[in-house]
Amino acid sequence: MAAPFSTTPDSCAVNCIAITPADSDLVAPVRALYVGGTGNVTINDTGGGSVTFVAVPTGTILPVMARRVWSTGTSATNIVGLI
């Protein structure tokens, strides 16, 4: 049976997970990150790159597919992964 909605990388999330930054990969990659508390967010993307988003404001959704949210370099809080 086909999903009742699109599951492409640019479609809405079908699941959400609380993320505790760690220096290891997430259980599964996420298609976007919601940042609930202002700060920096350091990630590895699904292409293998690493980047730090600096001074991300509260309530921001970062539309980036991430496989890791680093503890080192991340000061933002209340991060939620959108799957």
N, C-alpha and C. Protein backbone atom coordinates (compact mmCIF):
# COMPACT_ATOMS: atom_id res chain seq x y z
N MET A 1 0.84 -1.18 0.00
CA MET A 1 0.00 0.00 0.00
C MET A 1 0.89 1.24 0.00
N ALA A 2 0.58 2.17 -0.88
CA ALA A 2 1.36 3.41 -0.99
C ALA A 2 1.04 4.34 0.18
N ALA A 3 2.04 5.14 0.57
CA ALA A 3 1.83 6.13 1.63
C ALA A 3 0.79 7.14 1.16
N PRO A 4 -0.05 7.65 2.08
CA PRO A 4 -1.10 8.59 1.69
C PRO A 4 -0.57 10.00 1.44
N PHE A 5 0.75 10.18 1.51
CA PHE A 5 1.35 11.49 1.30
C PHE A 5 2.76 11.28 0.76
N SER A 6 3.34 12.33 0.26
CA SER A 6 4.67 12.27 -0.31
C SER A 6 5.74 12.06 0.76
N THR A 7 6.75 11.28 0.45
CA THR A 7 7.85 11.06 1.40
C THR A 7 9.19 11.47 0.78
N THR A 8 9.16 12.41 -0.14
CA THR A 8 10.39 12.92 -0.73
C THR A 8 11.09 13.84 0.28
N PRO A 9 12.40 14.11 0.09
CA PRO A 9 13.13 14.95 1.05
C PRO A 9 12.53 16.34 1.27
N ASP A 10 11.76 16.85 0.31
CA ASP A 10 11.19 18.19 0.47
C ASP A 10 9.73 18.18 0.94
N SER A 11 9.21 17.02 1.30
CA SER A 11 7.84 16.94 1.80
C SER A 11 7.82 17.13 3.32
N CYS A 12 6.64 17.23 3.89
CA CYS A 12 6.49 17.41 5.34
C CYS A 12 7.03 16.20 6.09
N ALA A 13 7.42 16.45 7.32
CA ALA A 13 7.93 15.36 8.17
C ALA A 13 6.79 14.41 8.53
N VAL A 14 7.16 13.15 8.71
CA VAL A 14 6.20 12.15 9.14
C VAL A 14 6.46 11.70 10.56
N ASN A 15 7.60 12.10 11.10
CA ASN A 15 7.99 11.77 12.47
C ASN A 15 8.87 12.88 13.02
N CYS A 16 8.93 12.97 14.32
CA CYS A 16 9.80 13.93 15.01
C CYS A 16 10.51 13.22 16.14
N ILE A 17 11.79 13.57 16.36
CA ILE A 17 12.53 12.98 17.45
C ILE A 17 13.30 14.07 18.20
N ALA A 18 13.33 13.96 19.51
CA ALA A 18 14.15 14.86 20.30
C ALA A 18 15.61 14.48 20.05
N ILE A 19 16.45 15.49 19.88
CA ILE A 19 17.86 15.24 19.61
C ILE A 19 18.71 15.78 20.75
N THR A 20 19.52 14.90 21.29
CA THR A 20 20.55 15.30 22.24
C THR A 20 21.86 15.30 21.47
N PRO A 21 22.48 16.48 21.29
CA PRO A 21 23.73 16.51 20.54
C PRO A 21 24.75 15.52 21.10
N ALA A 22 25.41 14.81 20.20
CA ALA A 22 26.41 13.80 20.58
C ALA A 22 27.43 13.70 19.46
N ASP A 23 28.61 13.27 19.79
CA ASP A 23 29.65 13.13 18.79
C ASP A 23 29.60 11.75 18.13
N SER A 24 28.38 11.32 17.81
CA SER A 24 28.14 10.08 17.08
C SER A 24 26.90 10.28 16.20
N ASP A 25 26.76 9.42 15.19
CA ASP A 25 25.64 9.57 14.26
C ASP A 25 24.29 9.34 14.94
N LEU A 26 23.27 9.98 14.38
CA LEU A 26 21.89 9.75 14.82
C LEU A 26 21.48 8.33 14.43
N VAL A 27 20.43 7.83 15.03
CA VAL A 27 19.92 6.50 14.70
C VAL A 27 19.54 6.45 13.22
N ALA A 28 18.95 7.52 12.72
CA ALA A 28 18.60 7.65 11.31
C ALA A 28 18.76 9.12 10.93
N PRO A 29 19.12 9.41 9.69
CA PRO A 29 19.23 10.80 9.26
C PRO A 29 17.88 11.52 9.38
N VAL A 30 17.95 12.82 9.60
CA VAL A 30 16.73 13.64 9.65
C VAL A 30 16.71 14.56 8.44
N ARG A 31 15.52 14.98 8.03
CA ARG A 31 15.41 15.84 6.85
C ARG A 31 15.47 17.33 7.19
N ALA A 32 15.31 17.66 8.47
CA ALA A 32 15.39 19.06 8.91
C ALA A 32 15.55 19.08 10.42
N LEU A 33 15.96 20.23 10.95
CA LEU A 33 16.12 20.40 12.39
C LEU A 33 15.32 21.61 12.85
N TYR A 34 14.60 21.45 13.94
CA TYR A 34 13.93 22.57 14.61
C TYR A 34 14.81 22.94 15.79
N VAL A 35 15.12 24.23 15.93
CA VAL A 35 15.95 24.71 17.03
C VAL A 35 15.08 25.51 17.99
N GLY A 36 14.90 24.98 19.19
CA GLY A 36 14.02 25.62 20.17
C GLY A 36 14.69 26.65 21.04
N GLY A 37 16.03 26.63 21.11
CA GLY A 37 16.77 27.59 21.93
C GLY A 37 17.98 28.10 21.18
N THR A 38 18.12 29.41 21.12
CA THR A 38 19.17 30.08 20.35
C THR A 38 20.57 29.52 20.63
N GLY A 39 21.36 29.44 19.57
CA GLY A 39 22.76 29.01 19.72
C GLY A 39 23.31 28.48 18.41
N ASN A 40 24.50 27.93 18.48
CA ASN A 40 25.15 27.34 17.32
C ASN A 40 24.72 25.88 17.18
N VAL A 41 24.67 25.41 15.92
CA VAL A 41 24.35 24.01 15.65
C VAL A 41 25.40 23.48 14.68
N THR A 42 26.16 22.47 15.11
CA THR A 42 27.18 21.85 14.27
C THR A 42 26.68 20.48 13.85
N ILE A 43 26.68 20.25 12.52
CA ILE A 43 26.15 19.00 11.98
C ILE A 43 27.11 18.36 10.98
N ASN A 44 26.87 17.10 10.71
CA ASN A 44 27.37 16.43 9.51
C ASN A 44 26.14 16.21 8.66
N ASP A 45 26.22 16.63 7.39
CA ASP A 45 25.09 16.40 6.50
C ASP A 45 25.16 15.01 5.90
N THR A 46 24.17 14.63 5.14
CA THR A 46 24.12 13.27 4.60
C THR A 46 25.11 13.09 3.45
N GLY A 47 25.67 14.18 2.96
CA GLY A 47 26.68 14.11 1.91
C GLY A 47 28.09 13.97 2.45
N GLY A 48 28.24 14.01 3.78
CA GLY A 48 29.55 13.85 4.40
C GLY A 48 30.20 15.15 4.83
N GLY A 49 29.56 16.28 4.53
CA GLY A 49 30.11 17.57 4.93
C GLY A 49 29.83 17.89 6.39
N SER A 50 30.60 18.82 6.93
CA SER A 50 30.40 19.29 8.29
C SER A 50 30.31 20.80 8.27
N VAL A 51 29.37 21.36 9.04
CA VAL A 51 29.18 22.81 9.05
C VAL A 51 28.61 23.24 10.39
N THR A 52 28.91 24.47 10.77
CA THR A 52 28.32 25.06 11.97
C THR A 52 27.42 26.21 11.55
N PHE A 53 26.16 26.14 11.94
CA PHE A 53 25.22 27.25 11.76
C PHE A 53 25.37 28.11 13.01
N VAL A 54 25.76 29.36 12.83
CA VAL A 54 26.09 30.24 13.95
C VAL A 54 24.90 31.11 14.33
N ALA A 55 24.64 31.21 15.63
CA ALA A 55 23.60 32.08 16.19
C ALA A 55 22.23 31.82 15.58
N VAL A 56 21.83 30.56 15.56
CA VAL A 56 20.52 30.18 15.04
C VAL A 56 19.45 30.68 16.02
N PRO A 57 18.50 31.49 15.57
CA PRO A 57 17.47 32.03 16.47
C PRO A 57 16.48 30.96 16.94
N THR A 58 15.90 31.19 18.08
CA THR A 58 14.84 30.33 18.62
C THR A 58 13.72 30.19 17.60
N GLY A 59 13.23 28.98 17.44
CA GLY A 59 12.09 28.72 16.56
C GLY A 59 12.45 28.51 15.10
N THR A 60 13.72 28.39 14.80
CA THR A 60 14.16 28.22 13.41
C THR A 60 14.08 26.76 12.99
N ILE A 61 13.65 26.54 11.75
CA ILE A 61 13.75 25.22 11.14
C ILE A 61 14.87 25.30 10.12
N LEU A 62 15.90 24.47 10.32
CA LEU A 62 17.01 24.38 9.38
C LEU A 62 16.68 23.29 8.37
N PRO A 63 16.45 23.66 7.11
CA PRO A 63 16.06 22.65 6.10
C PRO A 63 17.28 21.93 5.54
N VAL A 64 17.94 21.16 6.39
CA VAL A 64 19.14 20.45 5.99
C VAL A 64 19.06 19.00 6.48
N MET A 65 19.40 18.06 5.60
CA MET A 65 19.40 16.65 5.99
C MET A 65 20.68 16.39 6.78
N ALA A 66 20.52 15.93 8.02
CA ALA A 66 21.66 15.73 8.91
C ALA A 66 21.74 14.29 9.38
N ARG A 67 22.97 13.79 9.51
CA ARG A 67 23.18 12.46 10.05
C ARG A 67 23.81 12.52 11.44
N ARG A 68 24.30 13.72 11.82
CA ARG A 68 24.89 13.91 13.15
C ARG A 68 24.69 15.35 13.59
N VAL A 69 24.34 15.53 14.86
CA VAL A 69 24.34 16.84 15.50
C VAL A 69 25.40 16.74 16.59
N TRP A 70 26.49 17.44 16.38
CA TRP A 70 27.65 17.34 17.26
C TRP A 70 27.38 17.98 18.62
N SER A 71 27.88 17.34 19.66
CA SER A 71 27.90 17.95 20.99
C SER A 71 28.95 19.07 20.99
N THR A 72 30.11 18.75 20.40
CA THR A 72 31.18 19.73 20.26
C THR A 72 30.75 20.79 19.25
N GLY A 73 30.67 22.02 19.67
CA GLY A 73 30.31 23.12 18.76
C GLY A 73 28.84 23.46 18.73
N THR A 74 28.00 22.67 19.40
CA THR A 74 26.57 22.97 19.44
C THR A 74 26.20 23.55 20.80
N SER A 75 25.65 24.77 20.78
CA SER A 75 25.20 25.41 22.01
C SER A 75 23.70 25.63 22.01
N ALA A 76 23.04 25.42 20.86
CA ALA A 76 21.58 25.55 20.78
C ALA A 76 20.94 24.44 21.62
N THR A 77 19.72 24.67 22.05
CA THR A 77 19.01 23.70 22.88
C THR A 77 17.66 23.36 22.28
N ASN A 78 17.04 22.36 22.87
CA ASN A 78 15.69 21.93 22.46
C ASN A 78 15.62 21.66 20.96
N ILE A 79 16.53 20.84 20.49
CA ILE A 79 16.62 20.51 19.06
C ILE A 79 15.73 19.30 18.78
N VAL A 80 14.96 19.41 17.71
CA VAL A 80 14.05 18.33 17.30
C VAL A 80 14.39 17.97 15.85
N GLY A 81 14.54 16.68 15.59
CA GLY A 81 14.77 16.22 14.23
C GLY A 81 13.45 15.91 13.56
N LEU A 82 13.30 16.37 12.33
CA LEU A 82 12.09 16.11 11.54
C LEU A 82 12.44 15.04 10.52
N ILE A 83 11.71 13.95 10.56
CA ILE A 83 11.99 12.79 9.70
C ILE A 83 10.91 12.67 8.64
